[in-house]
Protein backbone atom coordinates (compact mmCIF):
# COMPACT_ATOMS: atom_id res chain seq x y z
CA MET A 1 0.00 0.00 0.00
CA ASN A 2 1.45 3.35 -1.03
CA VAL A 3 -0.04 6.00 1.23
CA SER A 4 1.89 9.05 0.11
CA ASN A 5 4.92 9.80 -1.96
CA PHE A 6 7.20 11.51 0.53
CA ARG A 7 9.61 12.81 -2.11
CA GLY A 8 7.38 15.74 -2.95
CA LEU A 9 6.34 16.52 0.60
CA TYR A 10 9.49 16.56 2.70
CA GLY A 11 10.92 19.48 0.74
CA TYR A 12 8.33 21.71 2.43
CA ALA A 13 9.53 20.89 5.96
CA LYS A 14 11.83 23.29 7.79
CA ALA A 15 15.51 22.40 7.66
CA ASP A 16 15.61 21.39 11.34
CA THR A 17 12.46 19.23 11.22
CA PRO A 18 13.07 15.49 11.65
CA ILE A 19 11.29 13.33 9.09
CA TYR A 20 10.28 9.71 9.62
CA ILE A 21 9.50 7.19 6.91
CA ILE A 22 7.82 3.92 7.85
CA ASP A 23 8.27 1.44 5.03
CA PRO A 24 9.55 -2.15 5.05
CA GLU A 25 11.06 -1.65 1.60
CA SER A 26 14.40 -0.03 0.91
CA VAL A 27 13.98 3.71 0.42
CA PRO A 28 16.86 5.60 -1.18
CA VAL A 29 17.16 8.73 0.93
CA HIS A 30 20.14 11.03 1.16
CA ASP A 31 19.04 13.51 3.78
CA SER A 32 20.31 13.40 7.36
CA ARG A 33 16.90 14.58 8.67
CA ILE A 34 15.22 11.41 7.48
CA LYS A 35 14.90 8.41 9.78
CA HIS A 36 13.80 5.27 7.95
CA ILE A 37 11.90 2.75 10.06
CA GLU A 38 12.14 -0.42 7.99
CA GLU A 39 9.02 -2.12 9.30
CA PRO A 40 5.43 -2.57 8.16
CA ALA A 41 3.06 0.11 9.41
CA THR A 42 1.57 -2.14 12.09
CA THR A 43 4.85 -2.39 14.01
CA GLY A 44 6.51 0.70 12.54
CA MET A 45 4.02 3.04 14.18
CA GLN A 46 4.77 1.47 17.57
CA THR A 47 8.48 1.97 16.96
CA PHE A 48 7.84 5.56 15.85
CA LEU A 49 5.83 6.36 18.99
CA LYS A 50 8.58 4.87 21.16
CA MET A 51 11.15 7.05 19.36
CA LEU A 52 9.02 10.16 19.97
CA LYS A 53 8.65 9.37 23.67
CA GLU A 54 12.42 8.96 23.98
CA ARG A 55 12.90 12.46 22.53
CA GLU A 56 10.86 14.06 25.34
C-alpha cells in the first residue's frame, strides 16, 4: 500500500524538522533529517511512537 509519496512533501519541511518514513522496503534517501523505520506500518508506528517518547 502506497499512502503518500514523501519525495514531494518533505521538501516543504523546515531544515531542522526530523522526518520519519515507515516502510519495510528499501527507500533511497540522502538527507540526514530522514529516519527510515524499515518495518510494516503495524509495528513501525509502535516503533515511531517509542522514538518520539524517547525524545521528550
